[in-house]
Protein backbone atom coordinates (compact mmCIF):
# COMPACT_ATOMS: atom_id res chain seq x y z
CA MET A 1 6.61 -22.25 -0.69
CA THR A 2 6.70 -21.34 -4.35
CA ASN A 3 7.50 -17.88 -5.67
CA ARG A 4 3.93 -17.61 -6.97
CA GLY A 5 2.58 -18.21 -3.48
CA ILE A 6 4.85 -15.57 -2.02
CA VAL A 7 3.89 -13.06 -4.72
CA ALA A 8 0.19 -13.86 -4.20
CA ALA A 9 0.56 -13.36 -0.44
CA GLY A 10 2.30 -10.04 -1.04
CA ALA A 11 -0.46 -8.96 -3.40
CA ALA A 12 -3.08 -9.97 -0.84
CA LEU A 13 -1.36 -7.92 1.85
CA VAL A 14 -0.67 -4.86 -0.29
CA GLY A 15 -4.08 -4.95 -1.97
CA GLY A 16 -6.06 -5.80 1.15
CA VAL A 17 -4.79 -2.98 3.37
CA PRO A 18 -6.32 -0.03 1.48
CA VAL A 19 -9.69 -1.78 1.10
CA ALA A 20 -9.68 -2.76 4.77
CA ALA A 21 -8.84 0.79 5.87
CA TRP A 22 -11.46 2.30 3.56
CA GLY A 23 -14.20 -0.18 4.42
CA LEU A 24 -13.70 -0.35 8.16
CA MET A 25 -13.28 3.39 8.63
CA GLY A 26 -16.73 4.21 7.27
CA GLN A 27 -17.99 7.44 5.75
CA GLN A 28 -16.82 10.47 7.73
CA ASN A 29 -19.72 12.88 7.20
CA TYR A 30 -20.75 15.72 9.48
CA ASP A 31 -23.55 14.44 11.72
CA GLY A 32 -25.69 17.58 11.91
CA LEU A 33 -27.10 17.56 8.37
CA PRO A 34 -28.36 15.01 5.84
CA ALA A 35 -25.81 13.85 3.27
CA SER A 36 -27.63 15.69 0.45
CA GLU A 37 -26.93 19.07 2.08
CA LEU A 38 -23.22 18.53 2.78
CA ASP A 39 -20.28 19.84 0.74
CA TYR A 40 -17.76 17.34 -0.63
CA ALA A 41 -14.25 17.77 -2.00
CA PHE A 42 -14.91 14.55 -3.95
CA GLN A 43 -18.20 12.68 -4.12
CA PRO A 44 -18.07 9.36 -2.25
CA TRP A 45 -18.86 6.15 -4.04
CA ASP A 46 -22.50 5.10 -3.87
CA ILE A 47 -21.79 2.06 -1.69
CA GLY A 48 -23.72 1.40 1.51
CA ASP A 49 -21.96 1.40 4.86
CA GLY A 50 -22.81 -2.26 5.43
CA VAL A 51 -21.34 -3.36 2.10
CA ALA A 52 -18.22 -1.27 2.73
CA ALA A 53 -17.82 -2.78 6.20
CA VAL A 54 -18.14 -6.34 4.85
CA ALA A 55 -15.64 -5.59 2.08
CA GLY A 56 -13.30 -4.05 4.65
CA GLY A 57 -13.61 -7.06 6.94
CA LEU A 58 -12.91 -9.52 4.12
CA ALA A 59 -9.98 -7.43 2.95
CA LEU A 60 -8.60 -7.36 6.51
CA VAL A 61 -8.77 -11.17 6.70
CA LEU A 62 -7.05 -11.38 3.31
CA ALA A 63 -4.34 -8.91 4.36
CA VAL A 64 -3.69 -10.72 7.65
CA ALA A 65 -3.48 -14.06 5.83
CA GLY A 66 -1.07 -12.57 3.30
CA ALA A 67 1.06 -11.10 6.08
CA ALA A 68 1.11 -14.43 7.93
CA VAL A 69 2.25 -16.29 4.81
CA LEU A 70 4.98 -13.70 4.15
CA VAL A 71 6.24 -13.78 7.74
CA ARG A 72 6.31 -17.58 7.69
CA ALA A 73 8.12 -17.65 4.35
CA SER A 74 10.56 -15.04 5.58
CA LEU A 75 11.33 -16.94 8.78
CA ARG A 76 11.82 -20.21 6.90
CA GLY A 77 14.14 -18.60 4.36
CA ALA A 78 11.80 -19.07 1.39
CA MET A 79 11.53 -15.29 0.99
CA ASP A 80 14.50 -12.94 0.99
CA GLN A 81 13.95 -10.65 3.98
CA ARG A 82 15.18 -7.65 2.02
CA TRP A 83 11.84 -7.66 0.16
CA TRP A 84 10.22 -6.29 3.32
CA GLY A 85 11.83 -3.00 2.24
CA VAL A 86 9.46 -3.10 -0.74
CA VAL A 87 6.36 -4.53 0.94
CA GLY A 88 6.47 -2.29 4.02
CA PRO A 89 6.27 1.06 2.19
CA LEU A 90 3.58 -0.32 -0.12
CA VAL A 91 1.49 -1.34 2.90
CA ALA A 92 1.94 2.14 4.38
CA LEU A 93 0.97 3.65 1.03
CA GLY A 94 -2.14 1.45 0.92
CA LEU A 95 -3.12 2.52 4.42
CA MET A 96 -2.68 6.15 3.40
CA ALA A 97 -4.78 5.58 0.29
CA GLY A 98 -7.66 3.93 2.16
CA VAL A 99 -7.81 6.49 4.94
CA GLY A 100 -7.07 9.32 2.51
CA TRP A 101 -10.03 8.44 0.31
CA ARG A 102 -12.31 8.64 3.32
CA ILE A 103 -10.84 12.05 4.21
CA LEU A 104 -11.22 13.32 0.64
CA THR A 105 -14.85 12.18 0.45
CA ALA A 106 -15.90 13.38 3.91
CA GLY A 107 -18.99 15.54 3.82
CA GLY A 108 -18.93 18.76 5.79
CA ILE A 109 -20.07 22.34 5.90
CA GLY A 110 -17.88 24.52 3.71
CA ALA A 111 -14.28 23.72 2.88
CA ASN A 112 -12.79 20.32 3.65
CA ILE A 113 -9.53 21.40 5.32
CA GLY A 114 -8.46 17.79 5.82
CA ALA A 115 -8.67 17.15 2.08
CA GLY A 116 -6.46 20.14 1.35
CA LEU A 117 -3.88 19.11 3.93
CA LEU A 118 -3.94 15.55 2.67
CA ILE A 119 -3.30 16.69 -0.90
CA ILE A 120 -0.52 19.08 0.11
CA PHE A 121 1.33 16.83 2.55
CA GLY A 122 0.14 13.34 1.69
CA THR A 123 0.95 13.42 -2.00
CA PRO A 124 4.73 13.91 -1.55
CA VAL A 125 4.83 11.24 1.16
CA ALA A 126 2.89 8.81 -1.04
CA ALA A 127 5.15 9.57 -4.01
CA GLY A 128 8.21 9.01 -1.84
CA LEU A 129 6.92 5.65 -0.59
CA LEU A 130 6.11 4.52 -4.11
CA LEU A 131 9.46 5.64 -5.51
CA TRP A 132 11.29 3.97 -2.63
CA SER A 133 9.49 0.68 -3.29
CA LEU A 134 10.16 0.86 -7.02
CA ALA A 135 13.85 1.69 -6.55
CA TRP A 136 14.35 -0.95 -3.88
CA SER A 137 12.63 -3.65 -5.94
CA PHE A 138 14.67 -2.69 -9.01
CA TRP A 139 17.85 -2.92 -6.95
CA LEU A 140 16.87 -6.31 -5.54
CA VAL A 141 16.05 -7.70 -8.97
CA THR A 142 19.24 -6.44 -10.62
CA GLN A 143 21.80 -7.04 -7.88
CA ARG A 144 24.14 -10.01 -7.92
CA HIS A 145 24.44 -12.68 -5.27
CA GLY A 146 28.16 -13.17 -4.80
CA HIS A 147 30.42 -12.98 -7.85
CA GLU A 148 28.93 -15.71 -10.05
CA GLY A 149 26.12 -15.34 -12.55
CA GLY A 150 23.10 -13.11 -12.09
CA LEU A 151 22.33 -9.71 -13.49
CA GLY A 152 24.41 -6.59 -13.10
CA GLY A 153 28.09 -5.80 -13.20
CA GLY A 154 31.18 -6.29 -11.11
CA ASP A 155 31.96 -4.70 -7.78
CA MET A 156 30.38 -1.33 -8.47
CA GLY A 157 26.91 -2.00 -7.05
CA GLY A 158 25.62 -4.16 -9.89
CA PHE A 159 25.41 -1.45 -12.56
CA ALA A 160 28.96 -1.18 -13.91
CA SER A 161 30.53 -3.65 -16.30
CA ARG A 162 33.15 -6.10 -15.10
CA GLY A 163 35.78 -4.30 -17.16
CA VAL A 164 35.77 -1.17 -14.96
């Protein structure tokens, strides 16, 4: 498998999860009133439930296919297994984003307590997952394999020069 194929599979997995979660979850409005009379923390997109469900289903198929390709490449040694430390948090972040958008756009009567809790507690968790993925990917790209060639410095974790 080529690196492009592995990157494309990772993009399919990471990009498909939030769309699948958003589309398959459906709009979470209060059932007692019509949508025009409900209060929203954020207005939902003007996309029908059927279209959202189809988009979610297609995204789920895409995400599962991407995951299957990555697992196969990982088992065959074509993909360094340490990259799961980048992909895993990004998938969790995508799941949080898809479900979170449905929580933020849920119609209700009065205040949307779930939206407030999501903003207060979900934002730091999402930032932590994103920062972890960025730091881990930076470390994987800059680290050295063995003592020959590659980026980074000597025996000090890849950041110090060989002269230290």
